[in-house]
Amino acid sequence: MSSVQDSKKPDLRRRNRRLKVGDAKALRRLLWRVLDEVDRLSDDVDFDAKLKAASTIATLSGIYLRVVEQHDLADKVVSLRAELERVKAEQDAERIPRAA
């Protein structure tokens, strides 16, 4: 590798944090950082490097989109569950207890 390519290598180790199982938000941030780094590598003048970067961007973009969609869906489910619990609590409070 040339020194130009070495200087463009992404240094993801400095930001390497362990992901928790099911931590879509952290995965989303990580994928975005990787996409950003690969995008910078695509500015390389070497055609093969550009082709590899384009392929990587296409693959990671599809994965990123699925993660974003699933993360948004999970957030909506949490919100709907909270709303359901609120409505149930209101209905329970409105019920008039019957005298025994």
N, C-alpha and C. Protein backbone atom coordinates (compact mmCIF):
# COMPACT_ATOMS: atom_id res chain seq x y z
N MET A 1 0.83 -1.19 0.00
CA MET A 1 0.00 0.00 0.00
C MET A 1 0.87 1.24 0.00
N SER A 2 0.40 2.24 -0.69
CA SER A 2 1.17 3.48 -0.71
C SER A 2 0.89 4.28 0.56
N SER A 3 1.74 5.25 0.81
CA SER A 3 1.57 6.07 2.01
C SER A 3 0.30 6.91 1.91
N VAL A 4 -0.13 7.23 0.68
CA VAL A 4 -1.37 8.00 0.51
C VAL A 4 -2.55 7.16 0.97
N GLN A 5 -2.57 5.89 0.58
CA GLN A 5 -3.65 5.01 0.99
C GLN A 5 -3.61 4.77 2.49
N ASP A 6 -2.40 4.65 3.05
CA ASP A 6 -2.28 4.43 4.49
C ASP A 6 -2.84 5.60 5.27
N SER A 7 -2.63 6.81 4.79
CA SER A 7 -3.13 7.99 5.50
C SER A 7 -4.65 8.10 5.41
N LYS A 8 -5.26 7.46 4.40
CA LYS A 8 -6.70 7.51 4.25
C LYS A 8 -7.41 6.37 4.96
N LYS A 9 -6.64 5.46 5.55
CA LYS A 9 -7.25 4.33 6.25
C LYS A 9 -8.08 4.83 7.41
N PRO A 10 -9.31 4.34 7.54
CA PRO A 10 -10.12 4.77 8.67
C PRO A 10 -9.58 4.21 9.98
N ASP A 11 -9.55 5.04 10.98
CA ASP A 11 -9.11 4.58 12.30
C ASP A 11 -10.35 4.42 13.17
N LEU A 12 -11.03 3.29 13.01
CA LEU A 12 -12.26 3.04 13.75
C LEU A 12 -11.98 2.54 15.16
N ARG A 13 -10.74 2.16 15.44
CA ARG A 13 -10.41 1.64 16.76
C ARG A 13 -10.63 2.67 17.85
N ARG A 14 -10.36 3.92 17.56
CA ARG A 14 -10.48 4.95 18.59
C ARG A 14 -11.93 5.14 19.01
N ARG A 15 -12.84 4.80 18.14
CA ARG A 15 -14.26 4.95 18.46
C ARG A 15 -14.92 3.61 18.70
N ASN A 16 -14.13 2.56 18.77
CA ASN A 16 -14.68 1.23 18.91
C ASN A 16 -15.27 1.03 20.30
N ARG A 17 -16.58 0.97 20.36
CA ARG A 17 -17.27 0.71 21.62
C ARG A 17 -18.02 -0.59 21.46
N ARG A 18 -18.09 -1.34 22.53
CA ARG A 18 -18.83 -2.59 22.47
C ARG A 18 -20.33 -2.30 22.36
N LEU A 19 -20.97 -2.99 21.44
CA LEU A 19 -22.41 -2.84 21.28
C LEU A 19 -23.11 -3.78 22.24
N LYS A 20 -24.17 -3.30 22.83
CA LYS A 20 -25.00 -4.15 23.66
C LYS A 20 -25.90 -4.96 22.73
N VAL A 21 -26.29 -6.12 23.17
CA VAL A 21 -27.20 -6.93 22.37
C VAL A 21 -28.50 -6.15 22.20
N GLY A 22 -28.94 -6.02 20.97
CA GLY A 22 -30.18 -5.31 20.68
C GLY A 22 -30.06 -3.80 20.70
N ASP A 23 -28.84 -3.27 20.71
CA ASP A 23 -28.65 -1.82 20.76
C ASP A 23 -28.64 -1.26 19.34
N ALA A 24 -29.84 -1.06 18.78
CA ALA A 24 -29.96 -0.60 17.39
C ALA A 24 -29.43 0.80 17.21
N LYS A 25 -29.59 1.64 18.24
CA LYS A 25 -29.13 3.03 18.12
C LYS A 25 -27.61 3.08 17.96
N ALA A 26 -26.89 2.27 18.74
CA ALA A 26 -25.42 2.23 18.64
C ALA A 26 -24.99 1.64 17.29
N LEU A 27 -25.71 0.61 16.84
CA LEU A 27 -25.40 0.01 15.55
C LEU A 27 -25.62 1.01 14.43
N ARG A 28 -26.67 1.78 14.56
CA ARG A 28 -26.98 2.81 13.57
C ARG A 28 -25.86 3.84 13.50
N ARG A 29 -25.35 4.29 14.65
CA ARG A 29 -24.25 5.26 14.68
C ARG A 29 -22.98 4.65 14.07
N LEU A 30 -22.69 3.41 14.44
CA LEU A 30 -21.50 2.74 13.92
C LEU A 30 -21.56 2.60 12.41
N LEU A 31 -22.68 2.14 11.90
CA LEU A 31 -22.81 1.98 10.45
C LEU A 31 -22.66 3.31 9.73
N TRP A 32 -23.21 4.36 10.32
CA TRP A 32 -23.09 5.68 9.68
C TRP A 32 -21.64 6.13 9.63
N ARG A 33 -20.90 5.92 10.74
CA ARG A 33 -19.47 6.30 10.76
C ARG A 33 -18.69 5.51 9.72
N VAL A 34 -18.99 4.22 9.60
CA VAL A 34 -18.28 3.39 8.63
C VAL A 34 -18.61 3.85 7.21
N LEU A 35 -19.89 4.13 6.96
CA LEU A 35 -20.27 4.64 5.63
C LEU A 35 -19.55 5.94 5.30
N ASP A 36 -19.44 6.81 6.29
CA ASP A 36 -18.74 8.08 6.09
C ASP A 36 -17.27 7.85 5.76
N GLU A 37 -16.64 6.94 6.48
CA GLU A 37 -15.22 6.63 6.21
C GLU A 37 -15.04 6.02 4.83
N VAL A 38 -15.93 5.11 4.44
CA VAL A 38 -15.82 4.48 3.12
C VAL A 38 -16.06 5.51 2.03
N ASP A 39 -16.97 6.43 2.29
CA ASP A 39 -17.22 7.50 1.31
C ASP A 39 -15.97 8.33 1.09
N ARG A 40 -15.25 8.61 2.15
CA ARG A 40 -13.98 9.36 2.01
C ARG A 40 -12.96 8.55 1.20
N LEU A 41 -12.96 7.24 1.41
CA LEU A 41 -12.02 6.38 0.66
C LEU A 41 -12.37 6.35 -0.83
N SER A 42 -13.64 6.58 -1.14
CA SER A 42 -14.05 6.52 -2.54
C SER A 42 -13.47 7.68 -3.36
N ASP A 43 -12.91 8.68 -2.68
CA ASP A 43 -12.26 9.78 -3.39
C ASP A 43 -10.88 9.40 -3.92
N ASP A 44 -10.44 8.19 -3.62
CA ASP A 44 -9.13 7.70 -4.07
C ASP A 44 -9.11 7.69 -5.60
N VAL A 45 -7.95 7.95 -6.16
CA VAL A 45 -7.81 7.98 -7.62
C VAL A 45 -7.73 6.59 -8.23
N ASP A 46 -7.46 5.60 -7.43
CA ASP A 46 -7.34 4.22 -7.90
C ASP A 46 -8.73 3.67 -8.23
N PHE A 47 -8.93 3.23 -9.47
CA PHE A 47 -10.23 2.75 -9.91
C PHE A 47 -10.71 1.56 -9.11
N ASP A 48 -9.81 0.61 -8.83
CA ASP A 48 -10.20 -0.58 -8.06
C ASP A 48 -10.65 -0.20 -6.65
N ALA A 49 -9.97 0.77 -6.05
CA ALA A 49 -10.35 1.21 -4.70
C ALA A 49 -11.73 1.88 -4.74
N LYS A 50 -11.99 2.67 -5.80
CA LYS A 50 -13.29 3.31 -5.94
C LYS A 50 -14.39 2.26 -6.12
N LEU A 51 -14.10 1.25 -6.92
CA LEU A 51 -15.07 0.19 -7.17
C LEU A 51 -15.39 -0.57 -5.88
N LYS A 52 -14.37 -0.89 -5.10
CA LYS A 52 -14.57 -1.58 -3.83
C LYS A 52 -15.35 -0.70 -2.85
N ALA A 53 -15.01 0.58 -2.82
CA ALA A 53 -15.71 1.51 -1.93
C ALA A 53 -17.18 1.63 -2.34
N ALA A 54 -17.45 1.70 -3.63
CA ALA A 54 -18.84 1.81 -4.10
C ALA A 54 -19.63 0.56 -3.74
N SER A 55 -19.01 -0.59 -3.88
CA SER A 55 -19.67 -1.84 -3.52
C SER A 55 -19.96 -1.90 -2.02
N THR A 56 -18.98 -1.48 -1.23
CA THR A 56 -19.15 -1.46 0.22
C THR A 56 -20.25 -0.48 0.62
N ILE A 57 -20.27 0.70 0.01
CA ILE A 57 -21.30 1.69 0.31
C ILE A 57 -22.69 1.13 -0.02
N ALA A 58 -22.81 0.48 -1.16
CA ALA A 58 -24.10 -0.08 -1.55
C ALA A 58 -24.56 -1.15 -0.55
N THR A 59 -23.67 -2.01 -0.16
CA THR A 59 -24.01 -3.07 0.80
C THR A 59 -24.38 -2.49 2.16
N LEU A 60 -23.53 -1.62 2.67
CA LEU A 60 -23.77 -1.04 4.00
C LEU A 60 -25.00 -0.12 4.01
N SER A 61 -25.27 0.53 2.89
CA SER A 61 -26.45 1.39 2.83
C SER A 61 -27.74 0.58 3.00
N GLY A 62 -27.78 -0.56 2.37
CA GLY A 62 -28.94 -1.45 2.52
C GLY A 62 -29.10 -1.92 3.96
N ILE A 63 -27.99 -2.29 4.57
CA ILE A 63 -28.01 -2.73 5.97
C ILE A 63 -28.42 -1.57 6.86
N TYR A 64 -27.86 -0.39 6.62
CA TYR A 64 -28.18 0.80 7.41
C TYR A 64 -29.67 1.11 7.34
N LEU A 65 -30.23 1.05 6.14
CA LEU A 65 -31.64 1.34 5.96
C LEU A 65 -32.50 0.37 6.77
N ARG A 66 -32.17 -0.91 6.74
CA ARG A 66 -32.94 -1.89 7.51
C ARG A 66 -32.82 -1.63 9.01
N VAL A 67 -31.64 -1.27 9.48
CA VAL A 67 -31.44 -0.98 10.90
C VAL A 67 -32.27 0.25 11.30
N VAL A 68 -32.25 1.29 10.46
CA VAL A 68 -33.02 2.50 10.75
C VAL A 68 -34.51 2.17 10.81
N GLU A 69 -35.00 1.42 9.84
CA GLU A 69 -36.42 1.06 9.82
C GLU A 69 -36.80 0.26 11.05
N GLN A 70 -35.96 -0.71 11.43
CA GLN A 70 -36.26 -1.54 12.60
C GLN A 70 -36.17 -0.73 13.89
N HIS A 71 -35.22 0.18 13.96
CA HIS A 71 -35.08 1.03 15.14
C HIS A 71 -36.29 1.94 15.28
N ASP A 72 -36.72 2.54 14.18
CA ASP A 72 -37.91 3.40 14.21
C ASP A 72 -39.15 2.61 14.59
N LEU A 73 -39.28 1.40 14.05
CA LEU A 73 -40.42 0.55 14.37
C LEU A 73 -40.41 0.17 15.85
N ALA A 74 -39.24 -0.14 16.38
CA ALA A 74 -39.14 -0.48 17.81
C ALA A 74 -39.54 0.71 18.68
N ASP A 75 -39.13 1.91 18.29
CA ASP A 75 -39.52 3.11 19.02
C ASP A 75 -41.04 3.32 18.99
N LYS A 76 -41.66 3.05 17.84
CA LYS A 76 -43.11 3.20 17.73
C LYS A 76 -43.83 2.18 18.60
N VAL A 77 -43.32 0.96 18.65
CA VAL A 77 -43.93 -0.08 19.49
C VAL A 77 -43.87 0.33 20.96
N VAL A 78 -42.73 0.84 21.40
CA VAL A 78 -42.59 1.29 22.78
C VAL A 78 -43.57 2.42 23.08
N SER A 79 -43.70 3.35 22.15
CA SER A 79 -44.62 4.47 22.32
C SER A 79 -46.07 3.99 22.38
N LEU A 80 -46.44 3.07 21.51
CA LEU A 80 -47.80 2.54 21.50
C LEU A 80 -48.11 1.76 22.77
N ARG A 81 -47.15 1.01 23.26
CA ARG A 81 -47.36 0.28 24.52
C ARG A 81 -47.58 1.24 25.68
N ALA A 82 -46.81 2.32 25.73
CA ALA A 82 -46.98 3.32 26.79
C ALA A 82 -48.36 3.97 26.69
N GLU A 83 -48.79 4.27 25.48
CA GLU A 83 -50.11 4.87 25.28
C GLU A 83 -51.22 3.90 25.70
N LEU A 84 -51.07 2.64 25.36
CA LEU A 84 -52.05 1.63 25.75
C LEU A 84 -52.15 1.53 27.27
N GLU A 85 -51.01 1.52 27.95
CA GLU A 85 -51.02 1.47 29.42
C GLU A 85 -51.68 2.70 30.00
N ARG A 86 -51.45 3.87 29.41
CA ARG A 86 -52.07 5.10 29.89
C ARG A 86 -53.59 5.03 29.73
N VAL A 87 -54.05 4.56 28.58
CA VAL A 87 -55.49 4.45 28.32
C VAL A 87 -56.12 3.45 29.28
N LYS A 88 -55.46 2.31 29.49
CA LYS A 88 -55.99 1.31 30.42
C LYS A 88 -56.09 1.89 31.84
N ALA A 89 -55.08 2.64 32.25
CA ALA A 89 -55.10 3.24 33.59
C ALA A 89 -56.25 4.24 33.71
N GLU A 90 -56.49 5.02 32.66
CA GLU A 90 -57.60 5.97 32.68
C GLU A 90 -58.94 5.24 32.76
N GLN A 91 -59.07 4.16 32.01
CA GLN A 91 -60.33 3.40 32.03
C GLN A 91 -60.55 2.77 33.40
N ASP A 92 -59.50 2.25 34.00
CA ASP A 92 -59.61 1.66 35.34
C ASP A 92 -60.00 2.72 36.37
N ALA A 93 -59.49 3.93 36.22
CA ALA A 93 -59.81 5.00 37.16
C ALA A 93 -61.25 5.48 37.01
N GLU A 94 -61.80 5.37 35.81
CA GLU A 94 -63.16 5.82 35.55
C GLU A 94 -64.21 4.82 36.01
N ARG A 95 -63.83 3.59 36.18
CA ARG A 95 -64.80 2.57 36.60
C ARG A 95 -65.27 2.86 38.01
N ILE A 96 -66.56 2.73 38.18
CA ILE A 96 -67.14 2.93 39.50
C ILE A 96 -67.21 1.59 40.19
N PRO A 97 -66.60 1.47 41.35
CA PRO A 97 -66.66 0.18 42.04
C PRO A 97 -68.09 -0.11 42.51
N ARG A 98 -68.53 -1.32 42.32
CA ARG A 98 -69.87 -1.72 42.73
C ARG A 98 -69.87 -2.08 44.20
N ALA A 99 -70.91 -1.67 44.84
CA ALA A 99 -71.04 -2.01 46.27
C ALA A 99 -71.36 -3.49 46.41
N ALA A 100 -70.75 -4.11 47.36
CA ALA A 100 -70.94 -5.55 47.56
C ALA A 100 -72.19 -5.85 48.33
